[in-house]
């Protein structure tokens, strides 16, 4: 089973509008970190077997574009800026998500968030597959996400430090 809306990008599509409407810091931070650390991967290496002649292709890119648009709107129009203080909350929110999705994967034999061990014919994107066999692959995926979140704060801190020095 793969049809449940449990991928990071699916939840990003739900979180995005609520983050923009409520301006809740946890939702905005989750949208930012999940989008730029994880959802962008869908544009680089889409997990698709169908081409542009199918509606699946267009729905895939539309859904991911909506998540990216929400995150960009929050940054460029609403002025969200990530802080170091956002990291523990986003890690906690992400840990709850991971615990839930790992349980669902084990129960259904699914591969939500690429943390499962799917039976054929489910395919794994080449980048994820290159990380090795399950369960080590799942640990590496989690480690890459955990490391990427602080890296996404750095540009904002460097920019702030540079403006402070120049003034």
N, C-alpha and C. Protein backbone atom coordinates (compact mmCIF):
# COMPACT_ATOMS: atom_id res chain seq x y z
N UNK A 1 0.84 -1.18 0.00
CA UNK A 1 0.00 0.00 0.00
C UNK A 1 0.88 1.24 0.00
N UNK A 2 0.60 2.17 -0.91
CA UNK A 2 1.37 3.40 -0.98
C UNK A 2 0.49 4.63 -1.16
N UNK A 3 -0.81 4.45 -1.10
CA UNK A 3 -1.72 5.54 -1.40
C UNK A 3 -2.09 6.44 -0.25
N UNK A 4 -1.61 6.18 0.94
CA UNK A 4 -1.92 7.06 2.07
C UNK A 4 -1.08 8.34 1.98
N UNK A 5 -1.61 9.46 2.40
CA UNK A 5 -0.85 10.72 2.31
C UNK A 5 0.14 10.86 3.49
N UNK A 6 1.14 9.98 3.49
CA UNK A 6 2.07 9.94 4.62
C UNK A 6 3.51 10.32 4.27
N UNK A 7 3.77 10.64 3.01
CA UNK A 7 5.11 11.09 2.66
C UNK A 7 5.31 12.50 3.20
N UNK A 8 6.54 12.88 3.43
CA UNK A 8 6.88 14.23 3.90
C UNK A 8 6.22 15.28 3.00
N UNK A 9 6.27 15.05 1.71
CA UNK A 9 5.72 16.04 0.76
C UNK A 9 4.20 16.13 0.88
N UNK A 10 3.55 15.01 1.15
CA UNK A 10 2.09 15.03 1.36
C UNK A 10 1.75 15.88 2.57
N UNK A 11 2.47 15.65 3.66
CA UNK A 11 2.22 16.42 4.88
C UNK A 11 2.62 17.88 4.70
N UNK A 12 3.68 18.11 3.92
CA UNK A 12 4.07 19.49 3.62
C UNK A 12 2.96 20.24 2.92
N UNK A 13 2.22 19.53 2.06
CA UNK A 13 1.09 20.16 1.37
C UNK A 13 -0.04 20.51 2.32
N UNK A 14 -0.13 19.83 3.44
CA UNK A 14 -1.13 20.15 4.47
C UNK A 14 -0.61 21.21 5.43
N UNK A 15 0.66 21.10 5.79
CA UNK A 15 1.26 22.03 6.74
C UNK A 15 1.39 23.43 6.13
N UNK A 16 1.75 23.50 4.86
CA UNK A 16 2.01 24.77 4.20
C UNK A 16 0.90 25.80 4.37
N UNK A 17 -0.31 25.50 3.95
CA UNK A 17 -1.39 26.49 4.11
C UNK A 17 -1.65 26.88 5.56
N UNK A 18 -1.59 25.91 6.46
CA UNK A 18 -1.80 26.22 7.88
C UNK A 18 -0.67 27.10 8.42
N UNK A 19 0.55 26.85 7.97
CA UNK A 19 1.68 27.68 8.39
C UNK A 19 1.49 29.11 7.93
N UNK A 20 1.04 29.27 6.70
CA UNK A 20 0.85 30.62 6.16
C UNK A 20 -0.33 31.34 6.82
N UNK A 21 -1.40 30.62 7.07
CA UNK A 21 -2.59 31.23 7.66
C UNK A 21 -2.41 31.58 9.13
N UNK A 22 -1.79 30.68 9.89
CA UNK A 22 -1.68 30.88 11.33
C UNK A 22 -0.38 31.56 11.75
N UNK A 23 0.62 31.46 10.90
CA UNK A 23 1.98 31.94 11.20
C UNK A 23 2.54 31.29 12.46
N UNK A 24 2.08 30.09 12.72
CA UNK A 24 2.58 29.30 13.84
C UNK A 24 4.05 28.97 13.59
N UNK A 25 4.91 29.28 14.54
CA UNK A 25 6.36 29.13 14.36
C UNK A 25 6.75 27.68 14.08
N UNK A 26 6.18 26.72 14.79
CA UNK A 26 6.52 25.31 14.57
C UNK A 26 6.14 24.88 13.15
N UNK A 27 4.95 25.26 12.70
CA UNK A 27 4.52 24.88 11.35
C UNK A 27 5.38 25.55 10.29
N UNK A 28 5.72 26.82 10.50
CA UNK A 28 6.57 27.53 9.53
C UNK A 28 7.96 26.91 9.49
N UNK A 29 8.51 26.59 10.64
CA UNK A 29 9.84 25.98 10.67
C UNK A 29 9.82 24.60 10.03
N UNK A 30 8.80 23.82 10.34
CA UNK A 30 8.68 22.49 9.74
C UNK A 30 8.55 22.60 8.23
N UNK A 31 7.73 23.52 7.76
CA UNK A 31 7.59 23.74 6.33
C UNK A 31 8.94 24.10 5.71
N UNK A 32 9.66 25.01 6.31
CA UNK A 32 10.96 25.45 5.78
C UNK A 32 11.95 24.28 5.71
N UNK A 33 12.18 23.63 6.84
CA UNK A 33 13.21 22.59 6.88
C UNK A 33 12.82 21.37 6.04
N UNK A 34 11.59 20.93 6.13
CA UNK A 34 11.17 19.78 5.33
C UNK A 34 11.22 20.09 3.84
N UNK A 35 10.83 21.31 3.47
CA UNK A 35 10.82 21.65 2.04
C UNK A 35 12.22 21.70 1.48
N UNK A 36 13.09 22.46 2.11
CA UNK A 36 14.40 22.69 1.52
C UNK A 36 15.39 21.56 1.77
N UNK A 37 15.18 20.75 2.78
CA UNK A 37 16.05 19.59 3.02
C UNK A 37 15.53 18.33 2.32
N UNK A 38 14.21 18.23 2.17
CA UNK A 38 13.65 16.96 1.71
C UNK A 38 12.81 17.06 0.44
N UNK A 39 11.86 17.96 0.40
CA UNK A 39 10.95 18.04 -0.74
C UNK A 39 11.67 18.41 -2.03
N UNK A 40 12.69 19.23 -1.96
CA UNK A 40 13.42 19.59 -3.18
C UNK A 40 14.00 18.37 -3.89
N UNK A 41 14.27 17.32 -3.12
CA UNK A 41 14.79 16.08 -3.73
C UNK A 41 13.82 15.54 -4.79
N UNK A 42 12.53 15.77 -4.62
CA UNK A 42 11.54 15.30 -5.59
C UNK A 42 11.70 15.98 -6.94
N UNK A 43 12.22 17.19 -6.96
CA UNK A 43 12.46 17.88 -8.22
C UNK A 43 13.77 17.41 -8.86
N UNK A 44 14.73 17.06 -8.03
CA UNK A 44 16.03 16.61 -8.53
C UNK A 44 15.94 15.19 -9.06
N UNK A 45 15.26 14.34 -8.32
CA UNK A 45 15.14 12.94 -8.70
C UNK A 45 13.73 12.44 -8.37
N UNK A 46 12.76 12.73 -9.25
CA UNK A 46 11.38 12.36 -8.95
C UNK A 46 11.19 10.84 -8.88
N UNK A 47 10.37 10.42 -7.93
CA UNK A 47 10.05 9.00 -7.77
C UNK A 47 8.84 8.69 -8.64
N UNK A 48 9.05 8.71 -9.94
CA UNK A 48 7.96 8.50 -10.89
C UNK A 48 8.29 7.37 -11.85
N UNK A 49 7.28 6.64 -12.21
CA UNK A 49 7.44 5.63 -13.26
C UNK A 49 6.66 6.02 -14.50
N UNK A 50 5.80 7.05 -14.36
CA UNK A 50 4.98 7.51 -15.47
C UNK A 50 5.51 8.84 -15.99
N UNK A 51 5.36 9.04 -17.30
CA UNK A 51 5.86 10.25 -17.93
C UNK A 51 4.81 11.34 -18.06
N UNK A 52 5.15 12.40 -18.79
CA UNK A 52 4.28 13.57 -18.90
C UNK A 52 2.94 13.31 -19.59
N UNK A 53 2.78 12.17 -20.19
CA UNK A 53 1.50 11.86 -20.84
C UNK A 53 0.45 11.37 -19.84
N UNK A 54 0.83 11.28 -18.57
CA UNK A 54 -0.10 10.77 -17.56
C UNK A 54 -0.45 11.85 -16.54
N UNK A 55 -1.60 11.72 -15.94
CA UNK A 55 -2.01 12.67 -14.90
C UNK A 55 -1.18 12.50 -13.64
N UNK A 56 -0.67 11.29 -13.38
CA UNK A 56 0.16 11.04 -12.19
C UNK A 56 1.38 11.96 -12.22
N UNK A 57 1.99 12.09 -13.35
CA UNK A 57 3.16 12.95 -13.52
C UNK A 57 2.83 14.39 -13.13
N UNK A 58 1.74 14.90 -13.67
CA UNK A 58 1.36 16.29 -13.43
C UNK A 58 0.89 16.52 -12.00
N UNK A 59 0.18 15.56 -11.41
CA UNK A 59 -0.22 15.69 -10.02
C UNK A 59 1.00 15.69 -9.10
N UNK A 60 1.97 14.84 -9.42
CA UNK A 60 3.20 14.76 -8.63
C UNK A 60 3.88 16.13 -8.58
N UNK A 61 4.10 16.72 -9.76
CA UNK A 61 4.81 17.99 -9.80
C UNK A 61 3.96 19.15 -9.26
N UNK A 62 2.67 19.11 -9.46
CA UNK A 62 1.80 20.15 -8.92
C UNK A 62 1.83 20.11 -7.39
N UNK A 63 1.71 18.93 -6.82
CA UNK A 63 1.71 18.80 -5.36
C UNK A 63 3.02 19.28 -4.75
N UNK A 64 4.14 18.89 -5.35
CA UNK A 64 5.44 19.32 -4.83
C UNK A 64 5.67 20.81 -5.05
N UNK A 65 5.16 21.33 -6.15
CA UNK A 65 5.29 22.77 -6.42
C UNK A 65 4.50 23.60 -5.42
N UNK A 66 3.36 23.10 -4.99
CA UNK A 66 2.56 23.81 -3.99
C UNK A 66 3.32 23.91 -2.67
N UNK A 67 3.97 22.82 -2.27
CA UNK A 67 4.75 22.84 -1.03
C UNK A 67 5.88 23.86 -1.16
N UNK A 68 6.60 23.82 -2.27
CA UNK A 68 7.69 24.76 -2.49
C UNK A 68 7.17 26.20 -2.54
N UNK A 69 6.06 26.42 -3.19
CA UNK A 69 5.48 27.76 -3.28
C UNK A 69 5.11 28.29 -1.89
N UNK A 70 4.55 27.45 -1.05
CA UNK A 70 4.21 27.88 0.32
C UNK A 70 5.47 28.29 1.08
N UNK A 71 6.51 27.48 0.99
CA UNK A 71 7.76 27.78 1.70
C UNK A 71 8.39 29.07 1.17
N UNK A 72 8.41 29.23 -0.14
CA UNK A 72 8.98 30.45 -0.73
C UNK A 72 8.16 31.68 -0.36
N UNK A 73 6.84 31.55 -0.37
CA UNK A 73 5.98 32.67 0.01
C UNK A 73 6.25 33.08 1.45
N UNK A 74 6.41 32.08 2.33
CA UNK A 74 6.67 32.38 3.73
C UNK A 74 8.00 33.13 3.89
N UNK A 75 9.02 32.72 3.12
CA UNK A 75 10.32 33.38 3.18
C UNK A 75 10.30 34.77 2.56
N UNK A 76 9.80 34.85 1.33
CA UNK A 76 9.94 36.06 0.54
C UNK A 76 8.88 37.12 0.83
N UNK A 77 7.68 36.71 1.18
CA UNK A 77 6.59 37.67 1.39
C UNK A 77 6.33 37.88 2.88
N UNK A 78 6.21 36.78 3.62
CA UNK A 78 5.88 36.91 5.05
C UNK A 78 7.11 37.11 5.93
N UNK A 79 8.30 36.91 5.36
CA UNK A 79 9.53 37.21 6.09
C UNK A 79 9.97 36.19 7.12
N UNK A 80 9.55 34.93 6.99
CA UNK A 80 10.02 33.91 7.93
C UNK A 80 11.54 33.77 7.81
N UNK A 81 12.22 33.67 8.94
CA UNK A 81 13.65 33.41 8.98
C UNK A 81 13.89 32.31 10.02
N UNK A 82 14.57 31.24 9.61
CA UNK A 82 14.83 30.15 10.55
C UNK A 82 15.83 30.57 11.63
N UNK A 83 15.63 30.02 12.81
CA UNK A 83 16.49 30.30 13.95
C UNK A 83 17.05 28.97 14.48
N UNK A 84 18.16 29.06 15.19
CA UNK A 84 18.69 27.86 15.83
C UNK A 84 17.64 27.28 16.78
N UNK A 85 16.88 28.13 17.43
CA UNK A 85 15.86 27.68 18.38
C UNK A 85 14.75 26.86 17.72
N UNK A 86 14.61 26.97 16.41
CA UNK A 86 13.60 26.17 15.70
C UNK A 86 14.00 24.70 15.60
N UNK A 87 15.29 24.43 15.62
CA UNK A 87 15.76 23.06 15.39
C UNK A 87 15.22 22.03 16.38
N UNK A 88 15.31 22.25 17.69
CA UNK A 88 14.79 21.22 18.61
C UNK A 88 13.31 20.92 18.38
N UNK A 89 12.53 21.95 18.10
CA UNK A 89 11.09 21.74 17.88
C UNK A 89 10.84 20.96 16.59
N UNK A 90 11.57 21.30 15.54
CA UNK A 90 11.39 20.59 14.27
C UNK A 90 11.92 19.16 14.39
N UNK A 91 13.02 18.97 15.10
CA UNK A 91 13.50 17.60 15.32
C UNK A 91 12.45 16.80 16.09
N UNK A 92 11.85 17.40 17.11
CA UNK A 92 10.81 16.70 17.88
C UNK A 92 9.61 16.36 17.02
N UNK A 93 9.12 17.32 16.25
CA UNK A 93 7.99 17.10 15.35
C UNK A 93 8.33 16.00 14.33
N UNK A 94 9.54 16.07 13.81
CA UNK A 94 9.99 15.07 12.83
C UNK A 94 10.11 13.69 13.46
N UNK A 95 10.55 13.63 14.71
CA UNK A 95 10.68 12.34 15.40
C UNK A 95 9.32 11.68 15.58
N UNK A 96 8.31 12.48 15.90
CA UNK A 96 6.95 11.93 16.02
C UNK A 96 6.49 11.40 14.67
N UNK A 97 6.76 12.16 13.62
CA UNK A 97 6.42 11.72 12.26
C UNK A 97 7.13 10.41 11.93
N UNK A 98 8.44 10.36 12.18
CA UNK A 98 9.23 9.17 11.86
C UNK A 98 8.71 7.96 12.63
N UNK A 99 8.42 8.11 13.91
CA UNK A 99 7.90 6.99 14.70
C UNK A 99 6.59 6.47 14.10
N UNK A 100 5.72 7.39 13.73
CA UNK A 100 4.45 6.97 13.13
C UNK A 100 4.62 6.29 11.79
N UNK A 101 5.46 6.86 10.95
CA UNK A 101 5.62 6.31 9.60
C UNK A 101 6.38 4.98 9.63
N UNK A 102 7.32 4.82 10.55
CA UNK A 102 8.03 3.54 10.67
C UNK A 102 7.04 2.45 11.10
N UNK A 103 6.15 2.78 12.02
CA UNK A 103 5.13 1.80 12.44
C UNK A 103 4.20 1.44 11.29
N UNK A 104 3.78 2.43 10.53
CA UNK A 104 2.90 2.17 9.37
C UNK A 104 3.65 1.33 8.33
N UNK A 105 4.90 1.67 8.08
CA UNK A 105 5.70 0.90 7.12
C UNK A 105 5.81 -0.57 7.53
N UNK A 106 6.08 -0.80 8.81
CA UNK A 106 6.20 -2.17 9.30
C UNK A 106 4.88 -2.92 9.18
N UNK A 107 3.80 -2.24 9.48
CA UNK A 107 2.46 -2.85 9.45
C UNK A 107 2.03 -3.17 8.03
N UNK A 108 2.27 -2.22 7.10
CA UNK A 108 1.76 -2.38 5.74
C UNK A 108 2.81 -2.87 4.73
N UNK A 109 4.07 -2.97 5.16
CA UNK A 109 5.12 -3.32 4.21
C UNK A 109 5.35 -2.20 3.20
N UNK A 110 5.12 -0.98 3.64
CA UNK A 110 5.23 0.19 2.76
C UNK A 110 6.61 0.83 2.90
N UNK A 111 6.79 1.96 2.22
CA UNK A 111 8.07 2.65 2.24
C UNK A 111 7.87 4.16 2.33
N UNK A 112 6.99 4.60 3.20
CA UNK A 112 6.78 6.03 3.39
C UNK A 112 8.04 6.66 3.94
N UNK A 113 8.37 7.84 3.42
CA UNK A 113 9.57 8.59 3.79
C UNK A 113 10.85 7.81 3.47
N UNK A 114 10.74 6.78 2.66
CA UNK A 114 11.87 5.92 2.28
C UNK A 114 12.55 5.31 3.50
N UNK A 115 11.75 5.05 4.55
CA UNK A 115 12.27 4.46 5.78
C UNK A 115 11.86 3.00 5.92
N UNK A 116 11.15 2.47 4.94
CA UNK A 116 10.68 1.09 5.02
C UNK A 116 11.53 0.15 4.18
N UNK A 117 11.14 -1.08 4.19
CA UNK A 117 11.78 -2.13 3.41
C UNK A 117 10.73 -2.69 2.46
N UNK A 118 10.50 -1.98 1.35
CA UNK A 118 9.38 -2.37 0.48
C UNK A 118 9.66 -3.65 -0.30
N UNK A 119 8.62 -4.43 -0.46
CA UNK A 119 8.72 -5.62 -1.30
C UNK A 119 8.55 -5.19 -2.75
N UNK A 120 9.16 -5.91 -3.70
CA UNK A 120 8.92 -5.59 -5.10
C UNK A 120 7.43 -5.68 -5.38
N UNK A 121 6.87 -4.91 -6.25
CA UNK A 121 7.50 -4.10 -7.29
C UNK A 121 7.74 -2.66 -6.89
N UNK A 122 7.59 -2.29 -5.60
CA UNK A 122 7.84 -0.90 -5.22
C UNK A 122 9.29 -0.54 -5.52
N UNK A 123 9.46 0.61 -6.11
CA UNK A 123 10.79 1.07 -6.48
C UNK A 123 11.29 2.11 -5.49
N UNK A 124 12.60 2.17 -5.39
CA UNK A 124 13.27 3.14 -4.54
C UNK A 124 14.04 4.07 -5.48
N UNK A 125 13.94 5.39 -5.29
CA UNK A 125 14.70 6.30 -6.15
C UNK A 125 16.19 5.97 -6.10
N UNK A 126 16.92 6.15 -7.20
CA UNK A 126 18.34 5.78 -7.25
C UNK A 126 19.19 6.38 -6.13
N UNK A 127 18.94 7.65 -5.78
CA UNK A 127 19.73 8.26 -4.71
C UNK A 127 19.53 7.51 -3.40
N UNK A 128 18.30 7.19 -3.09
CA UNK A 128 17.99 6.47 -1.84
C UNK A 128 18.57 5.06 -1.92
N UNK A 129 18.41 4.41 -3.06
CA UNK A 129 18.93 3.05 -3.24
C UNK A 129 20.44 3.01 -3.08
N UNK A 130 21.13 4.08 -3.49
CA UNK A 130 22.59 4.13 -3.39
C UNK A 130 23.07 4.19 -1.94
N UNK A 131 22.16 4.48 -1.01
CA UNK A 131 22.53 4.55 0.40
C UNK A 131 22.67 3.18 1.04
N UNK A 132 22.38 2.13 0.28
CA UNK A 132 22.58 0.78 0.78
C UNK A 132 21.28 0.09 1.14
N UNK A 133 21.42 -1.12 1.66
CA UNK A 133 20.22 -1.92 1.98
C UNK A 133 19.55 -1.44 3.27
N UNK A 134 18.27 -1.79 3.38
CA UNK A 134 17.53 -1.52 4.59
C UNK A 134 18.02 -2.48 5.66
N UNK A 135 18.15 -2.17 6.91
CA UNK A 135 17.72 -0.97 7.62
C UNK A 135 18.78 0.14 7.68
N UNK A 136 20.03 -0.17 7.25
CA UNK A 136 21.06 0.86 7.30
C UNK A 136 20.67 2.07 6.46
N UNK A 137 20.00 1.83 5.33
CA UNK A 137 19.56 2.93 4.46
C UNK A 137 18.67 3.90 5.23
N UNK A 138 17.77 3.39 6.04
CA UNK A 138 16.86 4.24 6.82
C UNK A 138 17.64 5.10 7.82
N UNK A 139 18.64 4.52 8.43
CA UNK A 139 19.46 5.27 9.39
C UNK A 139 20.21 6.38 8.67
N UNK A 140 20.73 6.10 7.49
CA UNK A 140 21.46 7.11 6.72
C UNK A 140 20.52 8.22 6.27
N UNK A 141 19.32 7.88 5.83
CA UNK A 141 18.33 8.89 5.43
C UNK A 141 18.05 9.83 6.61
N UNK A 142 17.83 9.27 7.78
CA UNK A 142 17.56 10.09 8.96
C UNK A 142 18.76 10.96 9.33
N UNK A 143 19.96 10.40 9.23
CA UNK A 143 21.16 11.18 9.55
C UNK A 143 21.35 12.33 8.56
N UNK A 144 21.13 12.08 7.28
CA UNK A 144 21.25 13.14 6.28
C UNK A 144 20.25 14.27 6.54
N UNK A 145 19.03 13.90 6.88
CA UNK A 145 18.02 14.92 7.18
C UNK A 145 18.44 15.71 8.42
N UNK A 146 18.90 15.01 9.45
CA UNK A 146 19.29 15.67 10.70
C UNK A 146 20.45 16.64 10.49
N UNK A 147 21.39 16.28 9.64
CA UNK A 147 22.54 17.14 9.37
C UNK A 147 22.14 18.32 8.47
N UNK A 148 21.22 18.09 7.57
CA UNK A 148 20.84 19.15 6.63
C UNK A 148 20.07 20.29 7.29
N UNK A 149 19.31 20.01 8.34
CA UNK A 149 18.53 21.05 8.98
C UNK A 149 19.40 22.21 9.50
N UNK A 150 20.46 21.93 10.28
CA UNK A 150 21.30 23.07 10.74
C UNK A 150 21.97 23.80 9.57
N UNK A 151 22.30 23.07 8.52
CA UNK A 151 22.92 23.71 7.36
C UNK A 151 21.98 24.74 6.73
N UNK A 152 20.68 24.52 6.87
CA UNK A 152 19.70 25.45 6.30
C UNK A 152 19.52 26.71 7.14
N UNK A 153 20.06 26.72 8.35
CA UNK A 153 20.03 27.92 9.18
C UNK A 153 21.24 28.81 8.85
N UNK A 154 22.33 28.19 8.47
CA UNK A 154 23.59 28.92 8.28
C UNK A 154 23.51 30.11 7.32
N UNK A 155 22.88 29.99 6.15
CA UNK A 155 22.85 31.16 5.26
C UNK A 155 22.22 32.39 5.92
N UNK A 156 21.24 32.17 6.74
CA UNK A 156 20.56 33.28 7.41
C UNK A 156 21.44 33.87 8.49
N UNK A 157 22.21 33.04 9.16
CA UNK A 157 23.10 33.53 10.22
C UNK A 157 24.30 34.25 9.61
N UNK A 158 24.83 33.73 8.51
CA UNK A 158 25.95 34.38 7.84
C UNK A 158 25.51 35.73 7.29
N UNK A 159 24.33 35.78 6.70
CA UNK A 159 23.79 37.04 6.19
C UNK A 159 23.61 38.07 7.29
N UNK A 160 23.10 37.64 8.43
CA UNK A 160 22.89 38.54 9.56
C UNK A 160 24.23 39.02 10.11
N UNK A 161 25.19 38.12 10.22
CA UNK A 161 26.52 38.49 10.72
C UNK A 161 27.20 39.46 9.76
N UNK A 162 27.05 39.24 8.47
CA UNK A 162 27.67 40.11 7.48
C UNK A 162 27.07 41.52 7.55
N UNK A 163 25.74 41.62 7.69
CA UNK A 163 25.10 42.93 7.79
C UNK A 163 25.53 43.65 9.07
N UNK A 164 25.72 42.90 10.16
CA UNK A 164 26.13 43.49 11.42
C UNK A 164 27.55 44.05 11.30
N UNK A 165 28.45 43.32 10.66
CA UNK A 165 29.83 43.76 10.49
C UNK A 165 29.89 44.99 9.59
N UNK A 166 29.07 45.02 8.55
CA UNK A 166 29.09 46.14 7.61
C UNK A 166 28.50 47.41 8.19
N UNK A 167 27.67 47.32 9.22
CA UNK A 167 27.06 48.53 9.78
C UNK A 167 27.96 49.26 10.70
